[in-house]
mmCIF file of all heavy atoms, coordinates in Angstrom:
data_MODEL
# 
_entry.id   MODEL 
# 
loop_
_atom_site.group_PDB 
_atom_site.id 
_atom_site.type_symbol 
_atom_site.label_atom_id 
_atom_site.label_alt_id 
_atom_site.label_comp_id 
_atom_site.label_asym_id 
_atom_site.label_entity_id 
_atom_site.label_seq_id 
_atom_site.pdbx_PDB_ins_code 
_atom_site.Cartn_x 
_atom_site.Cartn_y 
_atom_site.Cartn_z 
_atom_site.occupancy 
_atom_site.B_iso_or_equiv 
_atom_site.pdbx_formal_charge 
_atom_site.auth_seq_id 
_atom_site.auth_comp_id 
_atom_site.auth_asym_id 
_atom_site.auth_atom_id 
_atom_site.pdbx_PDB_model_num 
ATOM 1   N N   . PHE A 1 1  ? 114.167 117.214 93.129 1.00 0.00 ? 1  PHE A N   1 
ATOM 2   C CA  . PHE A 1 1  ? 114.589 117.374 91.746 1.00 0.00 ? 1  PHE A CA  1 
ATOM 3   C C   . PHE A 1 1  ? 114.057 116.292 90.826 1.00 0.00 ? 1  PHE A C   1 
ATOM 4   O O   . PHE A 1 1  ? 114.051 116.453 89.622 1.00 0.00 ? 1  PHE A O   1 
ATOM 5   C CB  . PHE A 1 1  ? 116.134 117.339 91.672 1.00 0.00 ? 1  PHE A CB  1 
ATOM 6   C CG  . PHE A 1 1  ? 116.772 118.403 92.507 1.00 0.00 ? 1  PHE A CG  1 
ATOM 7   C CD1 . PHE A 1 1  ? 117.312 118.098 93.751 1.00 0.00 ? 1  PHE A CD1 1 
ATOM 8   C CD2 . PHE A 1 1  ? 116.821 119.711 92.079 1.00 0.00 ? 1  PHE A CD2 1 
ATOM 9   C CE1 . PHE A 1 1  ? 117.909 119.066 94.530 1.00 0.00 ? 1  PHE A CE1 1 
ATOM 10  C CE2 . PHE A 1 1  ? 117.406 120.686 92.856 1.00 0.00 ? 1  PHE A CE2 1 
ATOM 11  C CZ  . PHE A 1 1  ? 117.949 120.375 94.098 1.00 0.00 ? 1  PHE A CZ  1 
ATOM 12  N N   . LEU A 1 2  ? 113.655 115.177 91.368 1.00 0.00 ? 2  LEU A N   1 
ATOM 13  C CA  . LEU A 1 2  ? 113.184 114.077 90.544 1.00 0.00 ? 2  LEU A CA  1 
ATOM 14  C C   . LEU A 1 2  ? 111.777 113.695 90.957 1.00 0.00 ? 2  LEU A C   1 
ATOM 15  O O   . LEU A 1 2  ? 111.395 113.859 92.096 1.00 0.00 ? 2  LEU A O   1 
ATOM 16  C CB  . LEU A 1 2  ? 114.112 112.860 90.695 1.00 0.00 ? 2  LEU A CB  1 
ATOM 17  C CG  . LEU A 1 2  ? 115.582 113.084 90.325 1.00 0.00 ? 2  LEU A CG  1 
ATOM 18  C CD1 . LEU A 1 2  ? 116.392 111.840 90.653 1.00 0.00 ? 2  LEU A CD1 1 
ATOM 19  C CD2 . LEU A 1 2  ? 115.720 113.416 88.848 1.00 0.00 ? 2  LEU A CD2 1 
ATOM 20  N N   . GLN A 1 3  ? 111.034 113.183 89.999 1.00 0.00 ? 3  GLN A N   1 
ATOM 21  C CA  . GLN A 1 3  ? 109.704 112.693 90.319 1.00 0.00 ? 3  GLN A CA  1 
ATOM 22  C C   . GLN A 1 3  ? 109.825 111.307 90.921 1.00 0.00 ? 3  GLN A C   1 
ATOM 23  O O   . GLN A 1 3  ? 110.417 110.420 90.336 1.00 0.00 ? 3  GLN A O   1 
ATOM 24  C CB  . GLN A 1 3  ? 108.850 112.616 89.046 1.00 0.00 ? 3  GLN A CB  1 
ATOM 25  C CG  . GLN A 1 3  ? 107.415 112.200 89.339 1.00 0.00 ? 3  GLN A CG  1 
ATOM 26  C CD  . GLN A 1 3  ? 106.590 112.211 88.088 1.00 0.00 ? 3  GLN A CD  1 
ATOM 27  O OE1 . GLN A 1 3  ? 107.094 112.509 87.013 1.00 0.00 ? 3  GLN A OE1 1 
ATOM 28  N NE2 . GLN A 1 3  ? 105.318 111.888 88.218 1.00 0.00 ? 3  GLN A NE2 1 
ATOM 29  N N   . LYS A 1 4  ? 109.282 111.159 92.117 1.00 0.00 ? 4  LYS A N   1 
ATOM 30  C CA  . LYS A 1 4  ? 109.428 109.898 92.818 1.00 0.00 ? 4  LYS A CA  1 
ATOM 31  C C   . LYS A 1 4  ? 108.582 108.839 92.138 1.00 0.00 ? 4  LYS A C   1 
ATOM 32  O O   . LYS A 1 4  ? 107.436 109.069 91.821 1.00 0.00 ? 4  LYS A O   1 
ATOM 33  C CB  . LYS A 1 4  ? 109.002 110.056 94.274 1.00 0.00 ? 4  LYS A CB  1 
ATOM 34  C CG  . LYS A 1 4  ? 109.280 108.807 95.117 1.00 0.00 ? 4  LYS A CG  1 
ATOM 35  C CD  . LYS A 1 4  ? 108.880 109.014 96.560 1.00 0.00 ? 4  LYS A CD  1 
ATOM 36  C CE  . LYS A 1 4  ? 109.753 110.063 97.203 1.00 0.00 ? 4  LYS A CE  1 
ATOM 37  N NZ  . LYS A 1 4  ? 109.468 110.188 98.664 1.00 0.00 ? 4  LYS A NZ  1 
ATOM 38  N N   . SER A 1 5  ? 109.175 107.711 91.952 1.00 0.00 ? 5  SER A N   1 
ATOM 39  C CA  . SER A 1 5  ? 108.467 106.601 91.313 1.00 0.00 ? 5  SER A CA  1 
ATOM 40  C C   . SER A 1 5  ? 107.428 106.033 92.265 1.00 0.00 ? 5  SER A C   1 
ATOM 41  O O   . SER A 1 5  ? 107.692 105.907 93.456 1.00 0.00 ? 5  SER A O   1 
ATOM 42  C CB  . SER A 1 5  ? 109.469 105.520 90.909 1.00 0.00 ? 5  SER A CB  1 
ATOM 43  O OG  . SER A 1 5  ? 108.804 104.385 90.451 1.00 0.00 ? 5  SER A OG  1 
ATOM 44  N N   . PRO A 1 6  ? 106.245 105.667 91.754 1.00 0.00 ? 6  PRO A N   1 
ATOM 45  C CA  . PRO A 1 6  ? 105.218 105.072 92.627 1.00 0.00 ? 6  PRO A CA  1 
ATOM 46  C C   . PRO A 1 6  ? 105.532 103.643 93.012 1.00 0.00 ? 6  PRO A C   1 
ATOM 47  O O   . PRO A 1 6  ? 104.844 103.052 93.821 1.00 0.00 ? 6  PRO A O   1 
ATOM 48  C CB  . PRO A 1 6  ? 103.955 105.138 91.763 1.00 0.00 ? 6  PRO A CB  1 
ATOM 49  C CG  . PRO A 1 6  ? 104.460 105.077 90.369 1.00 0.00 ? 6  PRO A CG  1 
ATOM 50  C CD  . PRO A 1 6  ? 105.754 105.826 90.366 1.00 0.00 ? 6  PRO A CD  1 
ATOM 51  N N   . PHE A 1 7  ? 106.572 103.065 92.378 1.00 0.00 ? 7  PHE A N   1 
ATOM 52  C CA  . PHE A 1 7  ? 106.897 101.675 92.646 1.00 0.00 ? 7  PHE A CA  1 
ATOM 53  C C   . PHE A 1 7  ? 108.118 101.601 93.548 1.00 0.00 ? 7  PHE A C   1 
ATOM 54  O O   . PHE A 1 7  ? 109.012 102.448 93.491 1.00 0.00 ? 7  PHE A O   1 
ATOM 55  C CB  . PHE A 1 7  ? 107.194 100.932 91.328 1.00 0.00 ? 7  PHE A CB  1 
ATOM 56  C CG  . PHE A 1 7  ? 106.073 101.041 90.347 1.00 0.00 ? 7  PHE A CG  1 
ATOM 57  C CD1 . PHE A 1 7  ? 106.172 101.933 89.275 1.00 0.00 ? 7  PHE A CD1 1 
ATOM 58  C CD2 . PHE A 1 7  ? 104.921 100.276 90.481 1.00 0.00 ? 7  PHE A CD2 1 
ATOM 59  C CE1 . PHE A 1 7  ? 105.152 102.043 88.372 1.00 0.00 ? 7  PHE A CE1 1 
ATOM 60  C CE2 . PHE A 1 7  ? 103.897 100.386 89.568 1.00 0.00 ? 7  PHE A CE2 1 
ATOM 61  C CZ  . PHE A 1 7  ? 104.004 101.274 88.516 1.00 0.00 ? 7  PHE A CZ  1 
ATOM 62  N N   . PRO A 1 8  ? 108.160 100.598 94.385 1.00 0.00 ? 8  PRO A N   1 
ATOM 63  C CA  . PRO A 1 8  ? 109.342 100.431 95.225 1.00 0.00 ? 8  PRO A CA  1 
ATOM 64  C C   . PRO A 1 8  ? 110.576 100.167 94.387 1.00 0.00 ? 8  PRO A C   1 
ATOM 65  O O   . PRO A 1 8  ? 110.493 99.584  93.305 1.00 0.00 ? 8  PRO A O   1 
ATOM 66  C CB  . PRO A 1 8  ? 108.981 99.226  96.097 1.00 0.00 ? 8  PRO A CB  1 
ATOM 67  C CG  . PRO A 1 8  ? 107.952 98.477  95.332 1.00 0.00 ? 8  PRO A CG  1 
ATOM 68  C CD  . PRO A 1 8  ? 107.175 99.524  94.577 1.00 0.00 ? 8  PRO A CD  1 
ATOM 69  N N   . THR A 1 9  ? 111.704 100.643 94.894 1.00 0.00 ? 9  THR A N   1 
ATOM 70  C CA  . THR A 1 9  ? 112.955 100.518 94.151 1.00 0.00 ? 9  THR A CA  1 
ATOM 71  C C   . THR A 1 9  ? 113.379 99.067  94.093 1.00 0.00 ? 9  THR A C   1 
ATOM 72  O O   . THR A 1 9  ? 113.487 98.401  95.119 1.00 0.00 ? 9  THR A O   1 
ATOM 73  C CB  . THR A 1 9  ? 114.064 101.338 94.826 1.00 0.00 ? 9  THR A CB  1 
ATOM 74  O OG1 . THR A 1 9  ? 113.624 102.680 94.915 1.00 0.00 ? 9  THR A OG1 1 
ATOM 75  C CG2 . THR A 1 9  ? 115.359 101.255 94.032 1.00 0.00 ? 9  THR A CG2 1 
ATOM 76  N N   . LYS A 1 10 ? 113.528 98.572  92.882 1.00 0.00 ? 10 LYS A N   1 
ATOM 77  C CA  . LYS A 1 10 ? 113.982 97.207  92.679 1.00 0.00 ? 10 LYS A CA  1 
ATOM 78  C C   . LYS A 1 10 ? 115.226 97.240  91.807 1.00 0.00 ? 10 LYS A C   1 
ATOM 79  O O   . LYS A 1 10 ? 115.332 98.049  90.874 1.00 0.00 ? 10 LYS A O   1 
ATOM 80  C CB  . LYS A 1 10 ? 112.908 96.357  91.989 1.00 0.00 ? 10 LYS A CB  1 
ATOM 81  C CG  . LYS A 1 10 ? 111.600 96.286  92.749 1.00 0.00 ? 10 LYS A CG  1 
ATOM 82  C CD  . LYS A 1 10 ? 111.754 95.425  93.998 1.00 0.00 ? 10 LYS A CD  1 
ATOM 83  C CE  . LYS A 1 10 ? 110.411 95.269  94.694 1.00 0.00 ? 10 LYS A CE  1 
ATOM 84  N NZ  . LYS A 1 10 ? 110.535 94.414  95.900 1.00 0.00 ? 10 LYS A NZ  1 
ATOM 85  N N   . ARG A 1 11 ? 116.152 96.348  92.101 1.00 0.00 ? 11 ARG A N   1 
ATOM 86  C CA  . ARG A 1 11 ? 117.360 96.267  91.305 1.00 0.00 ? 11 ARG A CA  1 
ATOM 87  C C   . ARG A 1 11 ? 117.239 95.126  90.304 1.00 0.00 ? 11 ARG A C   1 
ATOM 88  O O   . ARG A 1 11 ? 116.525 94.155  90.518 1.00 0.00 ? 11 ARG A O   1 
ATOM 89  C CB  . ARG A 1 11 ? 118.582 96.044  92.201 1.00 0.00 ? 11 ARG A CB  1 
ATOM 90  C CG  . ARG A 1 11 ? 118.907 97.249  93.059 1.00 0.00 ? 11 ARG A CG  1 
ATOM 91  C CD  . ARG A 1 11 ? 120.191 97.033  93.815 1.00 0.00 ? 11 ARG A CD  1 
ATOM 92  N NE  . ARG A 1 11 ? 120.515 98.191  94.616 1.00 0.00 ? 11 ARG A NE  1 
ATOM 93  C CZ  . ARG A 1 11 ? 121.611 98.282  95.357 1.00 0.00 ? 11 ARG A CZ  1 
ATOM 94  N NH1 . ARG A 1 11 ? 122.468 97.279  95.429 1.00 0.00 ? 11 ARG A NH1 1 
ATOM 95  N NH2 . ARG A 1 11 ? 121.840 99.384  96.048 1.00 0.00 ? 11 ARG A NH2 1 
ATOM 96  N N   . GLY A 1 12 ? 117.914 95.258  89.199 1.00 0.00 ? 12 GLY A N   1 
ATOM 97  C CA  . GLY A 1 12 ? 117.903 94.208  88.193 1.00 0.00 ? 12 GLY A CA  1 
ATOM 98  C C   . GLY A 1 12 ? 117.033 94.595  87.010 1.00 0.00 ? 12 GLY A C   1 
ATOM 99  O O   . GLY A 1 12 ? 115.981 95.206  87.148 1.00 0.00 ? 12 GLY A O   1 
ATOM 100 N N   . SER A 1 13 ? 117.466 94.207  85.800 1.00 0.00 ? 13 SER A N   1 
ATOM 101 C CA  . SER A 1 13 ? 116.730 94.569  84.585 1.00 0.00 ? 13 SER A CA  1 
ATOM 102 C C   . SER A 1 13 ? 115.370 93.884  84.528 1.00 0.00 ? 13 SER A C   1 
ATOM 103 O O   . SER A 1 13 ? 114.405 94.424  83.995 1.00 0.00 ? 13 SER A O   1 
ATOM 104 C CB  . SER A 1 13 ? 117.567 94.180  83.358 1.00 0.00 ? 13 SER A CB  1 
ATOM 105 O OG  . SER A 1 13 ? 117.882 92.785  83.405 1.00 0.00 ? 13 SER A OG  1 
ATOM 106 N N   . ALA A 1 14 ? 115.252 92.682  85.074 1.00 0.00 ? 14 ALA A N   1 
ATOM 107 C CA  . ALA A 1 14 ? 113.963 91.980  85.058 1.00 0.00 ? 14 ALA A CA  1 
ATOM 108 C C   . ALA A 1 14 ? 112.927 92.718  85.870 1.00 0.00 ? 14 ALA A C   1 
ATOM 109 O O   . ALA A 1 14 ? 111.758 92.826  85.456 1.00 0.00 ? 14 ALA A O   1 
ATOM 110 C CB  . ALA A 1 14 ? 114.152 90.561  85.604 1.00 0.00 ? 14 ALA A CB  1 
ATOM 111 N N   . ARG A 1 15 ? 113.254 93.238  87.008 1.00 0.00 ? 15 ARG A N   1 
ATOM 112 C CA  . ARG A 1 15 ? 112.296 93.966  87.830 1.00 0.00 ? 15 ARG A CA  1 
ATOM 113 C C   . ARG A 1 15 ? 111.897 95.270  87.170 1.00 0.00 ? 15 ARG A C   1 
ATOM 114 O O   . ARG A 1 15 ? 110.725 95.699  87.250 1.00 0.00 ? 15 ARG A O   1 
ATOM 115 C CB  . ARG A 1 15 ? 112.899 94.245  89.205 1.00 0.00 ? 15 ARG A CB  1 
ATOM 116 C CG  . ARG A 1 15 ? 113.321 93.003  89.972 1.00 0.00 ? 15 ARG A CG  1 
ATOM 117 C CD  . ARG A 1 15 ? 112.159 92.070  90.180 1.00 0.00 ? 15 ARG A CD  1 
ATOM 118 N NE  . ARG A 1 15 ? 111.079 92.684  90.904 1.00 0.00 ? 15 ARG A NE  1 
ATOM 119 C CZ  . ARG A 1 15 ? 109.883 92.157  91.071 1.00 0.00 ? 15 ARG A CZ  1 
ATOM 120 N NH1 . ARG A 1 15 ? 109.605 90.983  90.525 1.00 0.00 ? 15 ARG A NH1 1 
ATOM 121 N NH2 . ARG A 1 15 ? 108.957 92.785  91.774 1.00 0.00 ? 15 ARG A NH2 1 
ATOM 122 N N   . LEU A 1 16 ? 112.829 95.948  86.487 1.00 0.00 ? 16 LEU A N   1 
ATOM 123 C CA  . LEU A 1 16 ? 112.492 97.183  85.778 1.00 0.00 ? 16 LEU A CA  1 
ATOM 124 C C   . LEU A 1 16 ? 111.508 96.924  84.644 1.00 0.00 ? 16 LEU A C   1 
ATOM 125 O O   . LEU A 1 16 ? 110.574 97.703  84.409 1.00 0.00 ? 16 LEU A O   1 
ATOM 126 C CB  . LEU A 1 16 ? 113.768 97.831  85.234 1.00 0.00 ? 16 LEU A CB  1 
ATOM 127 C CG  . LEU A 1 16 ? 114.745 98.388  86.277 1.00 0.00 ? 16 LEU A CG  1 
ATOM 128 C CD1 . LEU A 1 16 ? 116.026 98.872  85.596 1.00 0.00 ? 16 LEU A CD1 1 
ATOM 129 C CD2 . LEU A 1 16 ? 114.100 99.542  87.044 1.00 0.00 ? 16 LEU A CD2 1 
ATOM 130 N N   . LEU A 1 17 ? 111.703 95.812  83.920 1.00 0.00 ? 17 LEU A N   1 
ATOM 131 C CA  . LEU A 1 17 ? 110.790 95.478  82.836 1.00 0.00 ? 17 LEU A CA  1 
ATOM 132 C C   . LEU A 1 17 ? 109.398 95.180  83.387 1.00 0.00 ? 17 LEU A C   1 
ATOM 133 O O   . LEU A 1 17 ? 108.376 95.583  82.805 1.00 0.00 ? 17 LEU A O   1 
ATOM 134 C CB  . LEU A 1 17 ? 111.325 94.264  82.070 1.00 0.00 ? 17 LEU A CB  1 
ATOM 135 C CG  . LEU A 1 17 ? 110.459 93.755  80.919 1.00 0.00 ? 17 LEU A CG  1 
ATOM 136 C CD1 . LEU A 1 17 ? 110.274 94.842  79.848 1.00 0.00 ? 17 LEU A CD1 1 
ATOM 137 C CD2 . LEU A 1 17 ? 111.091 92.511  80.281 1.00 0.00 ? 17 LEU A CD2 1 
ATOM 138 N N   . GLU A 1 18 ? 109.327 94.481  84.522 1.00 0.00 ? 18 GLU A N   1 
ATOM 139 C CA  . GLU A 1 18 ? 108.043 94.162  85.133 1.00 0.00 ? 18 GLU A CA  1 
ATOM 140 C C   . GLU A 1 18 ? 107.305 95.427  85.549 1.00 0.00 ? 18 GLU A C   1 
ATOM 141 O O   . GLU A 1 18 ? 106.093 95.561  85.324 1.00 0.00 ? 18 GLU A O   1 
ATOM 142 C CB  . GLU A 1 18 ? 108.273 93.260  86.342 1.00 0.00 ? 18 GLU A CB  1 
ATOM 143 C CG  . GLU A 1 18 ? 106.981 92.861  87.052 1.00 0.00 ? 18 GLU A CG  1 
ATOM 144 C CD  . GLU A 1 18 ? 107.262 92.030  88.298 1.00 0.00 ? 18 GLU A CD  1 
ATOM 145 O OE1 . GLU A 1 18 ? 108.442 91.678  88.499 1.00 0.00 ? 18 GLU A OE1 1 
ATOM 146 O OE2 . GLU A 1 18 ? 106.310 91.748  89.036 1.00 0.00 ? 18 GLU A OE2 1 
ATOM 147 N N   . GLN A 1 19 ? 108.038 96.405  86.108 1.00 0.00 ? 19 GLN A N   1 
ATOM 148 C CA  . GLN A 1 19 ? 107.411 97.661  86.520 1.00 0.00 ? 19 GLN A CA  1 
ATOM 149 C C   . GLN A 1 19 ? 106.892 98.433  85.302 1.00 0.00 ? 19 GLN A C   1 
ATOM 150 O O   . GLN A 1 19 ? 105.803 99.039  85.340 1.00 0.00 ? 19 GLN A O   1 
ATOM 151 C CB  . GLN A 1 19 ? 108.426 98.503  87.291 1.00 0.00 ? 19 GLN A CB  1 
ATOM 152 C CG  . GLN A 1 19 ? 108.841 97.893  88.622 1.00 0.00 ? 19 GLN A CG  1 
ATOM 153 C CD  . GLN A 1 19 ? 109.962 98.677  89.279 1.00 0.00 ? 19 GLN A CD  1 
ATOM 154 O OE1 . GLN A 1 19 ? 110.300 99.753  88.789 1.00 0.00 ? 19 GLN A OE1 1 
ATOM 155 N NE2 . GLN A 1 19 ? 110.514 98.116  90.350 1.00 0.00 ? 19 GLN A NE2 1 
ATOM 156 N N   . TRP A 1 20 ? 107.644 98.420  84.222 1.00 0.00 ? 20 TRP A N   1 
ATOM 157 C CA  . TRP A 1 20 ? 107.232 99.155  83.014 1.00 0.00 ? 20 TRP A CA  1 
ATOM 158 C C   . TRP A 1 20 ? 105.964 98.539  82.429 1.00 0.00 ? 20 TRP A C   1 
ATOM 159 O O   . TRP A 1 20 ? 105.058 99.249  82.010 1.00 0.00 ? 20 TRP A O   1 
ATOM 160 C CB  . TRP A 1 20 ? 108.366 99.117  81.996 1.00 0.00 ? 20 TRP A CB  1 
ATOM 161 C CG  . TRP A 1 20 ? 108.043 99.862  80.734 1.00 0.00 ? 20 TRP A CG  1 
ATOM 162 C CD1 . TRP A 1 20 ? 108.109 101.196 80.508 1.00 0.00 ? 20 TRP A CD1 1 
ATOM 163 C CD2 . TRP A 1 20 ? 107.582 99.280  79.518 1.00 0.00 ? 20 TRP A CD2 1 
ATOM 164 N NE1 . TRP A 1 20 ? 107.729 101.507 79.247 1.00 0.00 ? 20 TRP A NE1 1 
ATOM 165 C CE2 . TRP A 1 20 ? 107.388 100.329 78.590 1.00 0.00 ? 20 TRP A CE2 1 
ATOM 166 C CE3 . TRP A 1 20 ? 107.313 97.967  79.099 1.00 0.00 ? 20 TRP A CE3 1 
ATOM 167 C CZ2 . TRP A 1 20 ? 106.951 100.120 77.295 1.00 0.00 ? 20 TRP A CZ2 1 
ATOM 168 C CZ3 . TRP A 1 20 ? 106.865 97.777  77.805 1.00 0.00 ? 20 TRP A CZ3 1 
ATOM 169 C CH2 . TRP A 1 20 ? 106.697 98.834  76.927 1.00 0.00 ? 20 TRP A CH2 1 
ATOM 170 N N   . LEU A 1 21 ? 105.860 97.218  82.405 1.00 0.00 ? 21 LEU A N   1 
ATOM 171 C CA  . LEU A 1 21 ? 104.680 96.557  81.866 1.00 0.00 ? 21 LEU A CA  1 
ATOM 172 C C   . LEU A 1 21 ? 103.447 96.869  82.696 1.00 0.00 ? 21 LEU A C   1 
ATOM 173 O O   . LEU A 1 21 ? 102.342 97.068  82.171 1.00 0.00 ? 21 LEU A O   1 
ATOM 174 C CB  . LEU A 1 21 ? 104.906 95.047  81.798 1.00 0.00 ? 21 LEU A CB  1 
ATOM 175 C CG  . LEU A 1 21 ? 105.916 94.577  80.746 1.00 0.00 ? 21 LEU A CG  1 
ATOM 176 C CD1 . LEU A 1 21 ? 106.145 93.080  80.856 1.00 0.00 ? 21 LEU A CD1 1 
ATOM 177 C CD2 . LEU A 1 21 ? 105.427 94.931  79.337 1.00 0.00 ? 21 LEU A CD2 1 
ATOM 178 N N   . LYS A 1 22 ? 103.563 96.892  84.027 1.00 0.00 ? 22 LYS A N   1 
ATOM 179 C CA  . LYS A 1 22 ? 102.431 97.220  84.880 1.00 0.00 ? 22 LYS A CA  1 
ATOM 180 C C   . LYS A 1 22 ? 101.969 98.636  84.640 1.00 0.00 ? 22 LYS A C   1 
ATOM 181 O O   . LYS A 1 22 ? 100.775 98.929  84.634 1.00 0.00 ? 22 LYS A O   1 
ATOM 182 C CB  . LYS A 1 22 ? 102.814 97.032  86.338 1.00 0.00 ? 22 LYS A CB  1 
ATOM 183 C CG  . LYS A 1 22 ? 102.953 95.581  86.740 1.00 0.00 ? 22 LYS A CG  1 
ATOM 184 C CD  . LYS A 1 22 ? 103.299 95.481  88.221 1.00 0.00 ? 22 LYS A CD  1 
ATOM 185 C CE  . LYS A 1 22 ? 103.407 94.021  88.651 1.00 0.00 ? 22 LYS A CE  1 
ATOM 186 N NZ  . LYS A 1 22 ? 103.736 93.911  90.095 1.00 0.00 ? 22 LYS A NZ  1 
ATOM 187 N N   . LYS A 1 23 ? 102.896 99.541  84.442 1.00 0.00 ? 23 LYS A N   1 
ATOM 188 C CA  . LYS A 1 23 ? 102.538 100.941 84.211 1.00 0.00 ? 23 LYS A CA  1 
ATOM 189 C C   . LYS A 1 23 ? 101.807 101.107 82.881 1.00 0.00 ? 23 LYS A C   1 
ATOM 190 O O   . LYS A 1 23 ? 100.835 101.845 82.768 1.00 0.00 ? 23 LYS A O   1 
ATOM 191 C CB  . LYS A 1 23 ? 103.811 101.788 84.238 1.00 0.00 ? 23 LYS A CB  1 
ATOM 192 C CG  . LYS A 1 23 ? 103.550 103.279 84.131 1.00 0.00 ? 23 LYS A CG  1 
ATOM 193 C CD  . LYS A 1 23 ? 104.852 104.063 84.234 1.00 0.00 ? 23 LYS A CD  1 
ATOM 194 C CE  . LYS A 1 23 ? 104.561 105.555 84.125 1.00 0.00 ? 23 LYS A CE  1 
ATOM 195 N NZ  . LYS A 1 23 ? 105.804 106.363 84.190 1.00 0.00 ? 23 LYS A NZ  1 
ATOM 196 N N   . GLU A 1 24 ? 102.272 100.391 81.855 1.00 0.00 ? 24 GLU A N   1 
ATOM 197 C CA  . GLU A 1 24 ? 101.624 100.459 80.543 1.00 0.00 ? 24 GLU A CA  1 
ATOM 198 C C   . GLU A 1 24 ? 100.195 99.915  80.624 1.00 0.00 ? 24 GLU A C   1 
ATOM 199 O O   . GLU A 1 24 ? 99.275  100.416 79.992 1.00 0.00 ? 24 GLU A O   1 
ATOM 200 C CB  . GLU A 1 24 ? 102.437 99.666  79.520 1.00 0.00 ? 24 GLU A CB  1 
ATOM 201 C CG  . GLU A 1 24 ? 103.735 100.345 79.112 1.00 0.00 ? 24 GLU A CG  1 
ATOM 202 C CD  . GLU A 1 24 ? 103.478 101.603 78.313 1.00 0.00 ? 24 GLU A CD  1 
ATOM 203 O OE1 . GLU A 1 24 ? 102.543 101.609 77.484 1.00 0.00 ? 24 GLU A OE1 1 
ATOM 204 O OE2 . GLU A 1 24 ? 104.217 102.594 78.523 1.00 0.00 ? 24 GLU A OE2 1 
ATOM 205 N N   . LYS A 1 25 ? 100.007 98.881  81.430 1.00 0.00 ? 25 LYS A N   1 
ATOM 206 C CA  . LYS A 1 25 ? 98.679  98.289  81.540 1.00 0.00 ? 25 LYS A CA  1 
ATOM 207 C C   . LYS A 1 25 ? 97.698  99.238  82.192 1.00 0.00 ? 25 LYS A C   1 
ATOM 208 O O   . LYS A 1 25 ? 96.531  99.331  81.823 1.00 0.00 ? 25 LYS A O   1 
ATOM 209 C CB  . LYS A 1 25 ? 98.770  96.984  82.323 1.00 0.00 ? 25 LYS A CB  1 
ATOM 210 C CG  . LYS A 1 25 ? 97.470  96.203  82.364 1.00 0.00 ? 25 LYS A CG  1 
ATOM 211 C CD  . LYS A 1 25 ? 97.663  94.872  83.065 1.00 0.00 ? 25 LYS A CD  1 
ATOM 212 C CE  . LYS A 1 25 ? 96.363  94.100  83.075 1.00 0.00 ? 25 LYS A CE  1 
ATOM 213 N NZ  . LYS A 1 25 ? 96.498  92.798  83.756 1.00 0.00 ? 25 LYS A NZ  1 
ATOM 214 N N   . GLN A 1 26 ? 98.172  100.012 83.181 1.00 0.00 ? 26 GLN A N   1 
ATOM 215 C CA  . GLN A 1 26 ? 97.308  100.967 83.880 1.00 0.00 ? 26 GLN A CA  1 
ATOM 216 C C   . GLN A 1 26 ? 96.909  102.122 82.976 1.00 0.00 ? 26 GLN A C   1 
ATOM 217 O O   . GLN A 1 26 ? 95.830  102.664 83.070 1.00 0.00 ? 26 GLN A O   1 
ATOM 218 C CB  . GLN A 1 26 ? 98.007  101.489 85.131 1.00 0.00 ? 26 GLN A CB  1 
ATOM 219 C CG  . GLN A 1 26 ? 98.207  100.439 86.207 1.00 0.00 ? 26 GLN A CG  1 
ATOM 220 C CD  . GLN A 1 26 ? 99.001  100.962 87.381 1.00 0.00 ? 26 GLN A CD  1 
ATOM 221 O OE1 . GLN A 1 26 ? 99.427  102.122 87.347 1.00 0.00 ? 26 GLN A OE1 1 
ATOM 222 N NE2 . GLN A 1 26 ? 99.176  100.124 88.409 1.00 0.00 ? 26 GLN A NE2 1 
ATOM 223 N N   . GLU A 1 27 ? 97.788  102.519 82.069 1.00 0.00 ? 27 GLU A N   1 
ATOM 224 C CA  . GLU A 1 27 ? 97.525  103.668 81.201 1.00 0.00 ? 27 GLU A CA  1 
ATOM 225 C C   . GLU A 1 27 ? 96.828  103.269 79.897 1.00 0.00 ? 27 GLU A C   1 
ATOM 226 O O   . GLU A 1 27 ? 96.560  104.103 79.034 1.00 0.00 ? 27 GLU A O   1 
ATOM 227 C CB  . GLU A 1 27 ? 98.848  104.382 80.893 1.00 0.00 ? 27 GLU A CB  1 
ATOM 228 C CG  . GLU A 1 27 ? 99.494  104.986 82.140 1.00 0.00 ? 27 GLU A CG  1 
ATOM 229 C CD  . GLU A 1 27 ? 100.826 105.629 81.819 1.00 0.00 ? 27 GLU A CD  1 
ATOM 230 O OE1 . GLU A 1 27 ? 101.261 105.513 80.644 1.00 0.00 ? 27 GLU A OE1 1 
ATOM 231 O OE2 . GLU A 1 27 ? 101.427 106.258 82.723 1.00 0.00 ? 27 GLU A OE2 1 
ATOM 232 N N   . GLU A 1 28 ? 96.520  101.987 79.673 1.00 0.00 ? 28 GLU A N   1 
ATOM 233 C CA  . GLU A 1 28 ? 95.895  101.527 78.442 1.00 0.00 ? 28 GLU A CA  1 
ATOM 234 C C   . GLU A 1 28 ? 94.473  102.106 78.322 1.00 0.00 ? 28 GLU A C   1 
ATOM 235 O O   . GLU A 1 28 ? 93.729  102.121 79.314 1.00 0.00 ? 28 GLU A O   1 
ATOM 236 C CB  . GLU A 1 28 ? 95.829  99.999  78.466 1.00 0.00 ? 28 GLU A CB  1 
ATOM 237 C CG  . GLU A 1 28 ? 95.331  99.402  77.164 1.00 0.00 ? 28 GLU A CG  1 
ATOM 238 C CD  . GLU A 1 28 ? 95.329  97.884  77.241 1.00 0.00 ? 28 GLU A CD  1 
ATOM 239 O OE1 . GLU A 1 28 ? 95.690  97.359  78.323 1.00 0.00 ? 28 GLU A OE1 1 
ATOM 240 O OE2 . GLU A 1 28 ? 94.965  97.246  76.250 1.00 0.00 ? 28 GLU A OE2 1 
# 
């Protein structure tokens, strides 16, 4: 039902922000 994230599951808001920045860099 959900699209699996390519990144390993990390807890904490700091890790989520880091994953989002890496994804934005790849799609630039």
